Amino acid sequence: MKTLRLRLLFAIGASFALFWTLSSVWTLVDLRSEFRDALDERLAASARMVAALVADSPALTARSTAQRPAPSFIRTDGVACEIRLLGGGILGRTRNSPDLLGVTAPGYRTRTIDGITWRSYTIEQNGVRITTADRVERREQLFRNIAFATFVPFLIAMVATLIALWFAIRRGLEPLERIRSALAARVPDALQPLPVENLPGELAPLVSTVNTLLAKIERTIERERRFTGDAAHELRTPLTAVKTHLQVARLSGPGPDGSVALDRAEQGVLRLQSMIEQLLMLARVEGSVSFDEDEQLDARTVVEHAITQLPAASAQRIRVIDEGGANRTLRVPASLAMTALRNLLDNALRYGAADAPVVLRIHPAGLGIGFSVEDQGDGLSDADIARAGNRFWRKGGGQGSGLGLSIVRAIVSRYEGSWELTRGSGGGMVARLALPAD
């Protein structure tokens, strides 16, 4: 929070200082030009006023300068003035006028006399040359005083603005501080939504997004808790069966009863192994495990490999019909495509009629490839179709792991495919799987 406050203060303060400094510099440059023009105009006005006074006193110019010394006007630290006859004599000048001030052409001039720089204006009228001037150094000092008087209020206003900005930003970020405090005060498993009352419009979407995320996390945690409980229960059942059959075999000793118990224990181990493999596959598909290194195969090859993973007796019941697109390459890792198809075939073989074939159709499906698995079993009710795909759900408490369709659903969700279960027109079920393809 402190970093954000400082960033906002720096950004706003720097922008304010930059623009106002540029504006002030622009104003000072313009003021400097206007200031010089005003002082030059003052020199010209003074020269014209002296010229008017000389014109009103013709006796002044009629006297010979040789008869008397050049008169001096009153002492002044301001404008210097010199009245000189065009013939070379001096009629008068101020005490602060340097020598040779009037020895110049008419108009404005900037000259250095005796180490002092002067800005002068000269006018020739009625046989006299009138020169008025002031020191450039005095001009600069006056301008610096004006600039300083302008800069000090700006500096004070700048500091006051930064202080006001600090408190304004601090107050404006109070809602964020309240959210931070509310999150910091929570225990790790508290996923209740954050309060959205009295929040500014800019923060309301953020808090709503966080609340949505918290709700998703809560649902995910609850789903994983149910999954953990269901998995523990499902694993406990075959383990208990294996333990029971081993105890029976131990008590029965060598003989038919012991052999049957061992066979059943082996079946329980195989079922347990299959369930663990399915659980691991589901965890890999739903997790962050990468399958990028897995190869991608065409639809026909995927079908052949999936069928070879089934028991030989069951695989003979499968009839493959190619309706187009079997040569296209699936954009799904081959191992996952085979797993999804094998699970659909295994369900059809398990719950379909034992003496009826299972038809697997390969056909185009939009931009991808579709697989339709048709069996001749008793089918499912609407309620069962809605539950199909849930973890550990089995029709009538069958002997499977109850994870096959869950894995199919996870695969199509990860790779933007689709699947559905519908009742066939002639009875049984039709499982349709669509996967993206090149």
Protein backbone atom coordinates (compact mmCIF):
# COMPACT_ATOMS: atom_id res chain seq x y z
CA MET A 1 0.00 0.00 0.00
CA LYS A 2 2.78 2.44 0.85
CA THR A 3 4.42 1.75 -2.47
CA LEU A 4 1.18 2.45 -4.29
CA ARG A 5 0.68 5.67 -2.38
CA LEU A 6 4.19 6.85 -3.17
CA ARG A 7 3.77 5.91 -6.81
CA LEU A 8 0.54 7.85 -7.08
CA LEU A 9 2.02 10.81 -5.23
CA PHE A 10 5.12 10.79 -7.43
CA ALA A 11 3.13 10.43 -10.66
CA ILE A 12 0.60 13.16 -9.86
CA GLY A 13 3.13 15.45 -8.16
CA ALA A 14 5.69 15.06 -10.97
CA SER A 15 3.03 15.75 -13.59
CA PHE A 16 1.82 18.79 -11.68
CA ALA A 17 5.36 20.11 -11.16
CA LEU A 18 6.36 19.48 -14.77
CA PHE A 19 3.38 21.20 -16.36
CA TRP A 20 3.39 24.12 -13.95
CA THR A 21 7.16 24.55 -14.33
CA LEU A 22 6.85 24.59 -18.11
CA SER A 23 3.99 27.04 -17.81
CA SER A 24 6.03 29.23 -15.45
CA VAL A 25 9.09 29.17 -17.70
CA TRP A 26 6.92 30.10 -20.66
CA THR A 27 5.37 32.91 -18.63
CA LEU A 28 8.77 34.17 -17.46
CA VAL A 29 10.18 34.15 -20.98
CA ASP A 30 7.19 36.12 -22.21
CA LEU A 31 7.36 38.38 -19.17
CA ARG A 32 11.06 39.05 -19.79
CA SER A 33 10.30 40.23 -23.32
CA GLU A 34 7.36 42.36 -22.16
CA PHE A 35 9.48 43.72 -19.30
CA ARG A 36 12.27 44.79 -21.65
CA ASP A 37 9.81 46.39 -24.05
CA ALA A 38 8.18 48.28 -21.16
CA LEU A 39 11.53 49.61 -19.92
CA ASP A 40 12.55 50.54 -23.44
CA GLU A 41 9.29 52.39 -23.86
CA ARG A 42 10.00 54.20 -20.60
CA LEU A 43 13.36 55.36 -22.00
CA ALA A 44 11.70 56.57 -25.19
CA ALA A 45 8.97 58.39 -23.24
CA SER A 46 11.58 60.05 -21.04
CA ALA A 47 13.59 61.18 -24.09
CA ARG A 48 10.47 62.58 -25.79
CA MET A 49 9.48 64.41 -22.61
CA VAL A 50 12.93 66.03 -22.32
CA ALA A 51 12.78 66.94 -26.01
CA ALA A 52 9.45 68.67 -25.40
CA LEU A 53 10.91 70.61 -22.48
CA VAL A 54 13.91 71.70 -24.58
CA ALA A 55 11.61 72.78 -27.38
CA ASP A 56 9.69 74.95 -24.90
CA SER A 57 12.99 76.63 -23.78
CA PRO A 58 14.68 78.03 -26.94
CA ALA A 59 16.97 80.19 -24.78
CA LEU A 60 18.65 77.04 -23.51
CA THR A 61 19.97 76.09 -26.90
CA ALA A 62 20.83 79.65 -27.84
CA ARG A 63 23.56 79.96 -25.19
CA SER A 64 27.10 79.06 -26.00
CA THR A 65 28.37 76.07 -24.15
CA ALA A 66 31.75 77.75 -23.92
CA GLN A 67 30.30 80.47 -21.66
CA ARG A 68 29.40 77.98 -18.87
CA PRO A 69 30.06 74.46 -17.79
CA ALA A 70 27.59 71.76 -18.72
CA PRO A 71 24.79 71.83 -16.17
CA SER A 72 23.88 68.71 -14.22
CA PHE A 73 20.32 67.70 -13.50
CA ILE A 74 19.26 66.24 -10.19
CA ARG A 75 21.02 63.16 -8.94
CA THR A 76 19.11 59.95 -9.65
CA ASP A 77 19.73 56.24 -9.53
CA GLY A 78 17.11 55.66 -12.18
CA VAL A 79 17.16 56.82 -15.78
CA ALA A 80 20.32 58.66 -16.91
CA CYS A 81 19.87 61.46 -19.39
CA GLU A 82 22.19 63.60 -21.51
CA ILE A 83 21.33 66.56 -23.77
CA ARG A 84 23.96 67.26 -26.39
CA LEU A 85 24.07 69.76 -29.23
CA LEU A 86 24.48 68.23 -32.60
CA GLY A 87 27.60 70.33 -32.92
CA GLY A 88 29.18 68.53 -29.98
CA GLY A 89 28.47 70.66 -26.93
CA ILE A 90 26.63 69.31 -23.87
CA LEU A 91 23.66 71.28 -22.62
CA GLY A 92 23.06 69.11 -19.57
CA ARG A 93 22.94 65.65 -18.08
CA THR A 94 22.04 63.78 -14.94
CA ARG A 95 24.73 63.12 -12.36
CA ASN A 96 24.63 59.37 -12.97
CA SER A 97 25.24 59.78 -16.71
CA PRO A 98 28.61 58.43 -17.89
CA ASP A 99 30.82 60.34 -20.27
CA LEU A 100 30.10 59.94 -23.95
CA LEU A 101 26.60 58.64 -23.21
CA GLY A 102 25.15 60.79 -26.00
CA VAL A 103 27.84 59.96 -28.54
CA THR A 104 25.72 57.42 -30.40
CA ALA A 105 23.31 57.12 -33.31
CA PRO A 106 19.56 57.59 -32.82
CA GLY A 107 17.47 54.64 -31.62
CA TYR A 108 17.98 51.87 -29.11
CA ARG A 109 21.50 50.72 -28.26
CA THR A 110 23.18 48.45 -25.73
CA ARG A 111 26.70 49.66 -24.89
CA THR A 112 29.39 49.18 -22.29
CA ILE A 113 30.86 52.41 -20.89
CA ASP A 114 33.58 52.30 -18.22
CA GLY A 115 32.79 48.62 -17.53
CA ILE A 116 29.05 49.20 -17.07
CA THR A 117 26.51 48.00 -19.62
CA TRP A 118 23.80 50.51 -20.52
CA ARG A 119 20.59 50.29 -22.49
CA SER A 120 19.98 53.67 -24.18
CA TYR A 121 17.54 55.46 -26.44
CA THR A 122 18.59 58.50 -28.50
CA ILE A 123 16.45 61.04 -30.28
CA GLU A 124 17.60 64.07 -32.37
CA GLN A 125 15.21 67.00 -32.45
CA ASN A 126 15.49 70.78 -32.76
CA GLY A 127 19.27 70.71 -33.13
CA VAL A 128 19.92 68.64 -30.01
CA ARG A 129 20.54 64.96 -29.32
CA ILE A 130 18.78 63.61 -26.26
CA THR A 131 19.88 60.26 -24.85
CA THR A 132 18.19 58.41 -22.01
CA ALA A 133 19.60 55.21 -20.55
CA ASP A 134 19.48 52.82 -17.62
CA ARG A 135 21.84 50.12 -16.40
CA VAL A 136 21.28 46.61 -17.75
CA GLU A 137 22.43 45.24 -14.40
CA ARG A 138 19.63 47.15 -12.67
CA ARG A 139 17.16 45.82 -15.19
CA GLU A 140 18.32 42.25 -14.52
CA GLN A 141 18.10 42.74 -10.78
CA LEU A 142 14.58 44.08 -11.10
CA PHE A 143 13.59 41.15 -13.29
CA ARG A 144 15.12 38.68 -10.82
CA ASN A 145 13.13 40.24 -8.02
CA ILE A 146 9.94 39.83 -10.03
CA ALA A 147 10.82 36.21 -10.92
CA PHE A 148 11.65 35.42 -7.30
CA ALA A 149 8.39 36.99 -6.14
CA THR A 150 6.60 34.77 -8.67
CA PHE A 151 8.55 31.59 -7.85
CA VAL A 152 8.16 31.65 -4.07
CA PRO A 153 4.33 31.48 -4.11
CA PHE A 154 4.57 28.75 -6.74
CA LEU A 155 6.97 26.76 -4.54
CA ILE A 156 4.73 27.17 -1.51
CA ALA A 157 1.69 26.15 -3.56
CA MET A 158 3.60 23.14 -4.88
CA VAL A 159 4.54 21.89 -1.40
CA ALA A 160 1.01 22.49 -0.14
CA THR A 161 -0.40 20.62 -3.14
CA LEU A 162 1.86 17.61 -2.51
CA ILE A 163 0.77 17.50 1.12
CA ALA A 164 -2.88 17.73 0.09
CA LEU A 165 -2.30 15.02 -2.52
CA TRP A 166 -0.76 12.73 0.10
CA PHE A 167 -3.78 12.97 2.36
CA ALA A 168 -6.18 12.71 -0.58
CA ILE A 169 -4.46 9.57 -1.89
CA ARG A 170 -4.34 8.09 1.59
CA ARG A 171 -8.04 8.68 2.03
CA GLY A 172 -8.83 7.45 -1.47
CA LEU A 173 -7.00 4.15 -0.85
CA GLU A 174 -8.74 3.45 2.46
CA PRO A 175 -11.14 0.93 0.80
CA LEU A 176 -8.13 -1.07 -0.40
CA GLU A 177 -6.66 -0.95 3.09
CA ARG A 178 -9.94 -2.25 4.51
CA ILE A 179 -9.92 -5.14 2.03
CA ARG A 180 -6.30 -5.93 2.88
CA SER A 181 -7.07 -5.90 6.60
CA ALA A 182 -10.11 -8.12 6.10
CA LEU A 183 -8.04 -10.67 4.16
CA ALA A 184 -5.14 -10.53 6.64
CA ALA A 185 -7.48 -11.20 9.55
CA ARG A 186 -8.92 -14.36 7.99
CA VAL A 187 -7.95 -17.89 8.81
CA PRO A 188 -6.63 -19.98 5.90
CA ASP A 189 -9.88 -21.94 5.37
CA ALA A 190 -12.20 -18.90 5.49
CA LEU A 191 -13.64 -18.48 1.99
CA GLN A 192 -16.60 -16.22 2.72
CA PRO A 193 -17.10 -13.41 0.18
CA LEU A 194 -15.65 -9.99 0.90
CA PRO A 195 -18.07 -7.18 1.75
CA VAL A 196 -18.97 -5.00 -1.23
CA GLU A 197 -20.83 -2.24 0.60
CA ASN A 198 -19.54 1.36 0.42
CA LEU A 199 -16.93 0.57 -2.20
CA PRO A 200 -16.06 2.99 -5.01
CA GLY A 201 -17.05 2.00 -8.52
CA GLU A 202 -13.45 1.18 -9.47
CA LEU A 203 -13.05 -1.40 -6.68
CA ALA A 204 -16.47 -3.06 -6.87
CA PRO A 205 -15.56 -5.17 -9.99
CA LEU A 206 -12.29 -6.23 -8.35
CA VAL A 207 -14.01 -7.37 -5.15
CA SER A 208 -16.71 -9.14 -7.18
CA THR A 209 -14.01 -10.98 -9.13
CA VAL A 210 -12.25 -11.97 -5.91
CA ASN A 211 -15.56 -13.20 -4.46
CA THR A 212 -16.18 -15.25 -7.60
CA LEU A 213 -12.70 -16.75 -7.28
CA LEU A 214 -13.30 -17.54 -3.61
CA ALA A 215 -16.56 -19.28 -4.51
CA LYS A 216 -14.78 -21.36 -7.17
CA ILE A 217 -12.04 -22.27 -4.71
CA GLU A 218 -14.64 -23.28 -2.14
CA ARG A 219 -16.44 -25.49 -4.67
CA THR A 220 -13.14 -27.01 -5.78
CA ILE A 221 -12.08 -27.77 -2.21
CA GLU A 222 -15.48 -29.26 -1.44
CA ARG A 223 -15.31 -31.39 -4.59
CA GLU A 224 -11.84 -32.60 -3.69
CA ARG A 225 -12.99 -33.42 -0.17
CA ARG A 226 -15.85 -35.51 -1.55
CA PHE A 227 -13.46 -37.10 -4.01
CA THR A 228 -11.02 -37.98 -1.24
CA GLY A 229 -13.81 -39.49 0.86
CA ASP A 230 -15.25 -41.43 -2.08
CA ALA A 231 -11.80 -42.65 -3.13
CA ALA A 232 -11.01 -43.82 0.40
CA HIS A 233 -14.34 -45.69 0.52
CA GLU A 234 -13.88 -47.25 -2.92
CA LEU A 235 -10.34 -48.35 -2.14
CA ARG A 236 -11.37 -49.75 1.23
CA THR A 237 -13.91 -52.11 -0.37
CA PRO A 238 -11.50 -54.15 -2.56
CA LEU A 239 -8.86 -54.09 0.16
CA THR A 240 -11.34 -55.54 2.62
CA ALA A 241 -12.35 -58.18 0.06
CA VAL A 242 -8.72 -59.13 -0.58
CA LYS A 243 -8.05 -59.37 3.15
CA THR A 244 -11.14 -61.55 3.68
CA HIS A 245 -10.27 -63.94 0.83
CA LEU A 246 -6.70 -64.28 2.06
CA GLN A 247 -7.99 -65.13 5.56
CA VAL A 248 -10.34 -67.73 4.03
CA ALA A 249 -7.46 -69.21 2.04
CA ARG A 250 -5.31 -69.38 5.17
CA LEU A 251 -8.05 -71.09 7.17
CA SER A 252 -9.01 -73.46 4.35
CA GLY A 253 -5.47 -74.59 3.66
CA PRO A 254 -4.59 -76.47 0.46
CA GLY A 255 -7.67 -77.52 -1.51
CA PRO A 256 -10.47 -76.24 -3.72
CA ASP A 257 -11.79 -73.71 -1.21
CA GLY A 258 -8.33 -72.19 -0.73
CA SER A 259 -7.79 -71.95 -4.48
CA VAL A 260 -11.14 -70.19 -4.98
CA ALA A 261 -10.32 -67.74 -2.19
CA LEU A 262 -6.93 -66.98 -3.71
CA ASP A 263 -8.50 -66.47 -7.16
CA ARG A 264 -10.98 -64.03 -5.69
CA ALA A 265 -8.22 -62.26 -3.81
CA GLU A 266 -6.30 -61.92 -7.07
CA GLN A 267 -9.40 -60.47 -8.74
CA GLY A 268 -9.70 -57.96 -5.92
CA VAL A 269 -6.06 -56.98 -6.37
CA LEU A 270 -6.59 -56.52 -10.11
CA ARG A 271 -9.67 -54.38 -9.44
CA LEU A 272 -7.72 -52.35 -6.91
CA GLN A 273 -4.86 -51.92 -9.39
CA SER A 274 -7.27 -50.79 -12.10
CA MET A 275 -8.91 -48.29 -9.79
CA ILE A 276 -5.56 -46.82 -8.72
CA GLU A 277 -4.52 -46.48 -12.37
CA GLN A 278 -7.79 -44.73 -13.16
CA LEU A 279 -7.35 -42.40 -10.18
CA LEU A 280 -3.82 -41.53 -11.28
CA MET A 281 -5.00 -40.88 -14.84
CA LEU A 282 -7.82 -38.64 -13.63
CA ALA A 283 -5.42 -36.71 -11.40
CA ARG A 284 -2.99 -36.22 -14.30
CA VAL A 285 -5.66 -35.04 -16.72
CA GLU A 286 -7.30 -32.65 -14.24
CA GLY A 287 -3.96 -31.45 -12.89
CA SER A 288 -1.09 -29.56 -14.48
CA VAL A 289 0.77 -32.59 -15.88
CA SER A 290 1.95 -31.85 -19.42
CA PHE A 291 1.30 -34.29 -22.27
CA ASP A 292 3.17 -32.22 -24.87
CA GLU A 293 5.80 -34.90 -25.40
CA ASP A 294 3.14 -37.49 -26.24
CA GLU A 295 2.71 -38.28 -29.94
CA GLN A 296 -0.42 -37.49 -31.95
CA LEU A 297 -1.91 -40.22 -34.15
CA ASP A 298 -4.62 -40.49 -36.75
CA ALA A 299 -8.10 -41.63 -35.73
CA ARG A 300 -7.80 -45.14 -37.22
CA THR A 301 -4.56 -45.87 -35.34
CA VAL A 302 -6.05 -44.59 -32.08
CA VAL A 303 -9.04 -46.93 -32.54
CA GLU A 304 -6.80 -49.92 -33.22
CA HIS A 305 -4.64 -49.25 -30.15
CA ALA A 306 -7.68 -48.71 -27.92
CA ILE A 307 -9.18 -52.04 -29.01
CA THR A 308 -5.93 -53.92 -28.35
CA GLN A 309 -5.99 -52.66 -24.74
CA LEU A 310 -9.25 -54.54 -24.10
CA PRO A 311 -9.48 -58.25 -23.28
CA ALA A 312 -9.24 -60.34 -26.46
CA ALA A 313 -12.64 -61.97 -25.96
CA SER A 314 -14.33 -58.60 -25.58
CA ALA A 315 -12.44 -57.00 -28.44
CA GLN A 316 -13.88 -59.57 -30.88
CA ARG A 317 -17.38 -58.13 -30.29
CA ILE A 318 -16.38 -54.68 -31.59
CA ARG A 319 -17.28 -53.75 -35.19
CA VAL A 320 -15.58 -50.64 -36.60
CA ILE A 321 -17.30 -48.61 -39.33
CA ASP A 322 -15.35 -45.82 -41.04
CA GLU A 323 -17.69 -43.08 -42.27
CA GLY A 324 -14.88 -40.69 -43.24
CA GLY A 325 -12.01 -38.85 -41.57
CA ALA A 326 -10.19 -41.85 -40.11
CA ASN A 327 -6.93 -40.69 -41.67
CA ARG A 328 -7.01 -37.27 -39.98
CA THR A 329 -4.59 -36.67 -37.11
CA LEU A 330 -6.14 -35.92 -33.73
CA ARG A 331 -4.91 -32.81 -31.90
CA VAL A 332 -5.04 -34.71 -28.61
CA PRO A 333 -2.17 -36.74 -27.10
CA ALA A 334 -2.52 -40.30 -28.34
CA SER A 335 -2.47 -41.82 -24.86
CA LEU A 336 -5.42 -39.68 -23.74
CA ALA A 337 -7.41 -40.23 -26.94
CA MET A 338 -6.95 -44.01 -26.55
CA THR A 339 -7.89 -43.83 -22.87
CA ALA A 340 -11.13 -41.95 -23.59
CA LEU A 341 -12.13 -44.30 -26.41
CA ARG A 342 -11.18 -47.42 -24.44
CA ASN A 343 -13.31 -46.30 -21.48
CA LEU A 344 -16.35 -45.81 -23.74
CA LEU A 345 -15.83 -49.21 -25.34
CA ASP A 346 -15.32 -50.85 -21.94
CA ASN A 347 -18.62 -49.39 -20.67
CA ALA A 348 -20.46 -50.57 -23.78
CA LEU A 349 -19.00 -54.07 -23.48
CA ARG A 350 -19.66 -54.22 -19.73
CA TYR A 351 -23.27 -53.01 -19.73
CA GLY A 352 -24.39 -54.03 -23.22
CA ALA A 353 -25.94 -57.36 -24.12
CA ALA A 354 -23.34 -60.11 -23.79
CA ASP A 355 -24.16 -61.71 -27.16
CA ALA A 356 -24.60 -58.47 -29.13
CA PRO A 357 -21.86 -56.61 -31.00
CA VAL A 358 -20.67 -53.13 -30.11
CA VAL A 359 -20.50 -50.78 -33.09
CA LEU A 360 -17.80 -48.10 -33.24
CA ARG A 361 -18.34 -45.46 -35.93
CA ILE A 362 -15.67 -42.99 -37.07
CA HIS A 363 -17.14 -39.90 -38.71
CA PRO A 364 -16.51 -36.17 -39.22
CA ALA A 365 -17.74 -33.92 -36.38
CA GLY A 366 -17.50 -30.24 -37.23
CA LEU A 367 -13.80 -29.38 -37.49
CA GLY A 368 -12.79 -32.54 -35.65
CA ILE A 369 -13.41 -36.28 -35.63
CA GLY A 370 -16.33 -38.02 -33.95
CA PHE A 371 -16.55 -41.52 -32.46
CA SER A 372 -19.93 -43.15 -31.75
CA VAL A 373 -20.05 -46.26 -29.60
CA GLU A 374 -23.40 -48.14 -29.85
CA ASP A 375 -24.42 -51.07 -27.65
CA GLN A 376 -27.57 -53.17 -27.34
CA GLY A 377 -27.97 -53.13 -23.56
CA ASP A 378 -30.86 -52.10 -21.35
CA GLY A 379 -29.88 -48.42 -21.59
CA LEU A 380 -30.08 -45.77 -18.91
CA SER A 381 -32.87 -43.65 -17.52
CA ASP A 382 -32.80 -39.88 -17.80
CA ALA A 383 -31.72 -39.64 -14.17
CA ASP A 384 -28.89 -42.11 -14.76
CA ILE A 385 -27.75 -40.22 -17.88
CA ALA A 386 -27.60 -37.04 -15.81
CA ARG A 387 -25.42 -38.79 -13.19
CA ALA A 388 -23.17 -40.52 -15.71
CA GLY A 389 -19.74 -38.93 -15.61
CA ASN A 390 -19.80 -38.32 -11.86
CA ARG A 391 -16.89 -39.83 -10.01
CA PHE A 392 -17.44 -43.36 -8.68
CA TRP A 393 -20.97 -43.57 -10.07
CA ARG A 394 -21.82 -46.99 -11.52
CA LYS A 395 -25.08 -48.27 -12.90
CA GLY A 396 -26.63 -50.54 -10.29
CA GLY A 397 -23.41 -50.65 -8.27
CA GLY A 398 -21.51 -52.45 -11.02
CA GLN A 399 -18.01 -53.85 -10.70
CA GLY A 400 -16.16 -51.06 -12.50
CA SER A 401 -14.23 -48.24 -10.86
CA GLY A 402 -16.84 -45.63 -11.68
CA LEU A 403 -14.13 -43.33 -13.06
CA GLY A 404 -14.16 -44.16 -16.78
CA LEU A 405 -16.66 -41.51 -17.87
CA SER A 406 -15.17 -39.01 -15.41
CA ILE A 407 -11.84 -39.39 -17.21
CA VAL A 408 -13.57 -38.95 -20.59
CA ARG A 409 -15.22 -35.76 -19.35
CA ALA A 410 -11.89 -34.43 -18.02
CA ILE A 411 -10.09 -35.16 -21.33
CA VAL A 412 -12.67 -33.42 -23.54
CA SER A 413 -12.76 -30.47 -21.12
CA ARG A 414 -8.98 -30.06 -21.28
CA TYR A 415 -8.73 -30.33 -25.09
CA GLU A 416 -11.95 -28.55 -26.10
CA GLY A 417 -13.78 -31.66 -27.20
CA SER A 418 -17.26 -32.91 -26.33
CA TRP A 419 -19.12 -36.07 -25.34
CA GLU A 420 -22.68 -37.12 -24.62
CA LEU A 421 -24.80 -40.16 -23.83
CA THR A 422 -28.12 -40.78 -25.59
CA ARG A 423 -30.49 -43.69 -25.93
CA GLY A 424 -30.25 -45.53 -29.24
CA SER A 425 -33.21 -45.73 -31.58
CA GLY A 426 -33.16 -49.56 -31.42
CA GLY A 427 -32.42 -49.78 -27.71
CA GLY A 428 -29.20 -49.59 -25.78
CA MET A 429 -27.02 -46.52 -25.49
CA VAL A 430 -24.96 -44.37 -27.86
CA ALA A 431 -21.86 -42.65 -26.51
CA ARG A 432 -20.63 -39.86 -28.79
CA LEU A 433 -17.11 -38.47 -28.45
CA ALA A 434 -15.77 -35.54 -30.53
CA LEU A 435 -12.09 -34.56 -30.52
CA PRO A 436 -10.27 -31.76 -32.42
CA ALA A 437 -8.26 -32.85 -35.46
CA ASP A 438 -5.97 -31.35 -38.09
